[in-house]
Amino acid sequence: MKKCFYVYILLTKDNTLYCGYTDDVERRFKLHCEGKGAKYTRAHKPVKIVYTKKYFTKSEAQKEEYRIKHLPREEKLKLIT
């Protein structure tokens, strides 16, 4: 079975959004919650996963993560609704 990658967006306790990519969303979310994920989520505690999208290559997921991270907040909110 071929490995898949996911782009995800987390909602944080202070109502900010964090975007990342991984091959295991639940494991990555757990790491963020434990303070072992990204530097950003150590300061902005994650509450829940609000968006995921599957990709078949790491490169595709990384490109989409980059694109989403550069969107204005309003555009990110459109993605998750």
N, C-alpha and C. Protein backbone atom coordinates (compact mmCIF):
# COMPACT_ATOMS: atom_id res chain seq x y z
N MET A 1 0.84 -1.19 0.00
CA MET A 1 0.00 0.00 0.00
C MET A 1 0.88 1.25 0.00
N LYS A 2 0.57 2.18 -0.87
CA LYS A 2 1.36 3.40 -1.00
C LYS A 2 1.04 4.40 0.12
N LYS A 3 2.07 5.04 0.64
CA LYS A 3 1.91 6.01 1.70
C LYS A 3 1.25 7.28 1.17
N CYS A 4 0.31 7.82 1.94
CA CYS A 4 -0.35 9.07 1.60
C CYS A 4 0.09 10.16 2.56
N PHE A 5 -0.09 11.39 2.14
CA PHE A 5 0.25 12.55 2.95
C PHE A 5 -0.98 13.43 3.07
N TYR A 6 -1.04 14.19 4.14
CA TYR A 6 -2.21 15.02 4.41
C TYR A 6 -1.77 16.43 4.77
N VAL A 7 -2.53 17.39 4.30
CA VAL A 7 -2.41 18.76 4.76
C VAL A 7 -3.53 18.94 5.78
N TYR A 8 -3.22 19.58 6.89
CA TYR A 8 -4.22 19.75 7.94
C TYR A 8 -4.17 21.17 8.48
N ILE A 9 -5.30 21.59 9.03
CA ILE A 9 -5.36 22.88 9.71
C ILE A 9 -5.92 22.62 11.11
N LEU A 10 -5.25 23.20 12.10
CA LEU A 10 -5.69 23.09 13.49
C LEU A 10 -6.25 24.42 13.96
N LEU A 11 -7.28 24.36 14.78
CA LEU A 11 -7.79 25.54 15.48
C LEU A 11 -7.13 25.54 16.85
N THR A 12 -6.64 26.69 17.29
CA THR A 12 -5.96 26.78 18.58
C THR A 12 -6.86 27.44 19.62
N LYS A 13 -6.46 27.35 20.88
CA LYS A 13 -7.25 27.91 21.99
C LYS A 13 -7.46 29.41 21.84
N ASP A 14 -6.51 30.10 21.24
CA ASP A 14 -6.66 31.55 21.06
C ASP A 14 -7.26 31.90 19.69
N ASN A 15 -7.93 30.93 19.09
CA ASN A 15 -8.69 31.11 17.84
C ASN A 15 -7.80 31.44 16.63
N THR A 16 -6.57 30.96 16.63
CA THR A 16 -5.72 31.09 15.45
C THR A 16 -5.74 29.76 14.71
N LEU A 17 -5.22 29.77 13.49
CA LEU A 17 -5.17 28.57 12.67
C LEU A 17 -3.73 28.19 12.40
N TYR A 18 -3.43 26.91 12.47
CA TYR A 18 -2.09 26.40 12.16
C TYR A 18 -2.22 25.36 11.06
N CYS A 19 -1.39 25.48 10.04
CA CYS A 19 -1.40 24.54 8.91
C CYS A 19 -0.10 23.75 8.89
N GLY A 20 -0.23 22.45 8.58
CA GLY A 20 0.94 21.60 8.46
C GLY A 20 0.65 20.43 7.52
N TYR A 21 1.65 19.57 7.34
CA TYR A 21 1.44 18.35 6.56
C TYR A 21 2.07 17.19 7.31
N THR A 22 1.57 15.99 7.05
CA THR A 22 2.04 14.79 7.74
C THR A 22 1.57 13.56 6.99
N ASP A 23 2.06 12.41 7.40
CA ASP A 23 1.54 11.15 6.86
C ASP A 23 0.59 10.48 7.84
N ASP A 24 0.41 11.10 9.04
CA ASP A 24 -0.49 10.55 10.06
C ASP A 24 -1.06 11.72 10.88
N VAL A 25 -2.24 12.16 10.53
CA VAL A 25 -2.83 13.36 11.14
C VAL A 25 -3.06 13.18 12.64
N GLU A 26 -3.62 12.06 13.04
CA GLU A 26 -3.91 11.85 14.47
C GLU A 26 -2.64 11.83 15.32
N ARG A 27 -1.61 11.16 14.83
CA ARG A 27 -0.33 11.12 15.57
C ARG A 27 0.26 12.52 15.67
N ARG A 28 0.20 13.27 14.57
CA ARG A 28 0.76 14.63 14.55
C ARG A 28 -0.01 15.55 15.48
N PHE A 29 -1.35 15.42 15.48
CA PHE A 29 -2.17 16.22 16.38
C PHE A 29 -1.81 15.94 17.84
N LYS A 30 -1.62 14.67 18.15
CA LYS A 30 -1.23 14.28 19.51
C LYS A 30 0.11 14.94 19.89
N LEU A 31 1.06 14.93 18.98
CA LEU A 31 2.36 15.57 19.24
C LEU A 31 2.18 17.06 19.50
N HIS A 32 1.36 17.72 18.68
CA HIS A 32 1.09 19.15 18.89
C HIS A 32 0.51 19.37 20.28
N CYS A 33 -0.45 18.55 20.68
CA CYS A 33 -1.11 18.68 21.98
C CYS A 33 -0.14 18.47 23.14
N GLU A 34 0.86 17.62 22.93
CA GLU A 34 1.87 17.33 23.96
C GLU A 34 3.00 18.36 23.98
N GLY A 35 2.94 19.35 23.09
CA GLY A 35 3.98 20.36 23.02
C GLY A 35 5.22 19.89 22.29
N LYS A 36 5.10 18.79 21.54
CA LYS A 36 6.25 18.23 20.81
C LYS A 36 6.11 18.41 19.30
N GLY A 37 5.14 19.21 18.88
CA GLY A 37 4.93 19.45 17.45
C GLY A 37 5.75 20.64 17.00
N ALA A 38 5.10 21.60 16.43
CA ALA A 38 5.77 22.80 15.94
C ALA A 38 5.94 23.83 17.06
N LYS A 39 6.89 24.71 16.90
CA LYS A 39 7.12 25.78 17.87
C LYS A 39 5.85 26.61 18.06
N TYR A 40 5.14 26.88 16.97
CA TYR A 40 3.92 27.69 17.02
C TYR A 40 2.88 27.05 17.94
N THR A 41 2.70 25.74 17.85
CA THR A 41 1.66 25.09 18.65
C THR A 41 2.08 24.86 20.10
N ARG A 42 3.32 25.13 20.42
CA ARG A 42 3.71 25.11 21.83
C ARG A 42 3.17 26.35 22.53
N ALA A 43 3.14 27.47 21.81
CA ALA A 43 2.63 28.73 22.37
C ALA A 43 1.13 28.89 22.15
N HIS A 44 0.60 28.29 21.10
CA HIS A 44 -0.82 28.39 20.74
C HIS A 44 -1.39 26.97 20.77
N LYS A 45 -1.90 26.57 21.92
CA LYS A 45 -2.34 25.18 22.12
C LYS A 45 -3.47 24.77 21.18
N PRO A 46 -3.31 23.66 20.47
CA PRO A 46 -4.35 23.21 19.55
C PRO A 46 -5.58 22.67 20.27
N VAL A 47 -6.75 22.92 19.67
CA VAL A 47 -8.01 22.46 20.24
C VAL A 47 -8.57 21.31 19.41
N LYS A 48 -8.58 21.50 18.08
CA LYS A 48 -9.12 20.45 17.22
C LYS A 48 -8.61 20.60 15.79
N ILE A 49 -8.73 19.50 15.06
CA ILE A 49 -8.40 19.48 13.64
C ILE A 49 -9.65 19.96 12.91
N VAL A 50 -9.51 21.00 12.09
CA VAL A 50 -10.67 21.55 11.41
C VAL A 50 -10.65 21.31 9.89
N TYR A 51 -9.52 20.78 9.38
CA TYR A 51 -9.42 20.56 7.93
C TYR A 51 -8.36 19.51 7.66
N THR A 52 -8.64 18.59 6.76
CA THR A 52 -7.63 17.66 6.24
C THR A 52 -7.90 17.42 4.77
N LYS A 53 -6.84 17.22 4.03
CA LYS A 53 -6.96 16.86 2.62
C LYS A 53 -5.81 15.90 2.28
N LYS A 54 -6.15 14.85 1.57
CA LYS A 54 -5.22 13.77 1.25
C LYS A 54 -4.48 14.04 -0.06
N TYR A 55 -3.18 13.71 -0.08
CA TYR A 55 -2.35 13.81 -1.27
C TYR A 55 -1.55 12.53 -1.42
N PHE A 56 -1.20 12.22 -2.64
CA PHE A 56 -0.50 10.96 -2.89
C PHE A 56 1.01 11.09 -2.94
N THR A 57 1.50 12.34 -2.93
CA THR A 57 2.95 12.54 -2.83
C THR A 57 3.26 13.59 -1.77
N LYS A 58 4.42 13.46 -1.18
CA LYS A 58 4.88 14.42 -0.19
C LYS A 58 5.01 15.80 -0.81
N SER A 59 5.50 15.85 -2.03
CA SER A 59 5.70 17.11 -2.72
C SER A 59 4.38 17.87 -2.91
N GLU A 60 3.33 17.17 -3.30
CA GLU A 60 2.02 17.80 -3.47
C GLU A 60 1.53 18.38 -2.13
N ALA A 61 1.68 17.61 -1.08
CA ALA A 61 1.25 18.06 0.25
C ALA A 61 2.04 19.29 0.70
N GLN A 62 3.34 19.28 0.47
CA GLN A 62 4.18 20.41 0.86
C GLN A 62 3.81 21.67 0.09
N LYS A 63 3.55 21.52 -1.19
CA LYS A 63 3.15 22.67 -2.01
C LYS A 63 1.83 23.26 -1.54
N GLU A 64 0.87 22.38 -1.20
CA GLU A 64 -0.42 22.86 -0.73
C GLU A 64 -0.30 23.50 0.65
N GLU A 65 0.52 22.93 1.52
CA GLU A 65 0.76 23.53 2.83
C GLU A 65 1.31 24.94 2.66
N TYR A 66 2.29 25.10 1.79
CA TYR A 66 2.90 26.41 1.53
C TYR A 66 1.85 27.39 1.02
N ARG A 67 1.01 26.93 0.09
CA ARG A 67 -0.02 27.79 -0.48
C ARG A 67 -1.00 28.24 0.60
N ILE A 68 -1.46 27.31 1.42
CA ILE A 68 -2.42 27.63 2.48
C ILE A 68 -1.81 28.58 3.50
N LYS A 69 -0.57 28.34 3.88
CA LYS A 69 0.08 29.20 4.88
C LYS A 69 0.17 30.65 4.42
N HIS A 70 0.16 30.87 3.12
CA HIS A 70 0.26 32.23 2.60
C HIS A 70 -1.09 32.86 2.27
N LEU A 71 -2.16 32.14 2.55
CA LEU A 71 -3.50 32.70 2.34
C LEU A 71 -3.87 33.63 3.50
N PRO A 72 -4.68 34.64 3.21
CA PRO A 72 -5.22 35.45 4.33
C PRO A 72 -6.15 34.58 5.18
N ARG A 73 -6.34 34.95 6.41
CA ARG A 73 -7.19 34.18 7.33
C ARG A 73 -8.58 33.92 6.74
N GLU A 74 -9.15 34.92 6.08
CA GLU A 74 -10.49 34.77 5.51
C GLU A 74 -10.54 33.62 4.50
N GLU A 75 -9.51 33.47 3.72
CA GLU A 75 -9.45 32.39 2.73
C GLU A 75 -9.28 31.03 3.42
N LYS A 76 -8.51 31.00 4.49
CA LYS A 76 -8.35 29.75 5.25
C LYS A 76 -9.69 29.35 5.86
N LEU A 77 -10.42 30.32 6.36
CA LEU A 77 -11.74 30.02 6.94
C LEU A 77 -12.70 29.47 5.89
N LYS A 78 -12.60 29.94 4.66
CA LYS A 78 -13.43 29.41 3.58
C LYS A 78 -13.11 27.94 3.32
N LEU A 79 -11.85 27.57 3.45
CA LEU A 79 -11.45 26.18 3.26
C LEU A 79 -12.09 25.25 4.29
N ILE A 80 -12.20 25.72 5.52
CA ILE A 80 -12.64 24.84 6.59
C ILE A 80 -14.15 24.83 6.79
N THR A 81 -14.87 25.66 6.06
CA THR A 81 -16.34 25.67 6.21
C THR A 81 -17.03 24.96 5.09
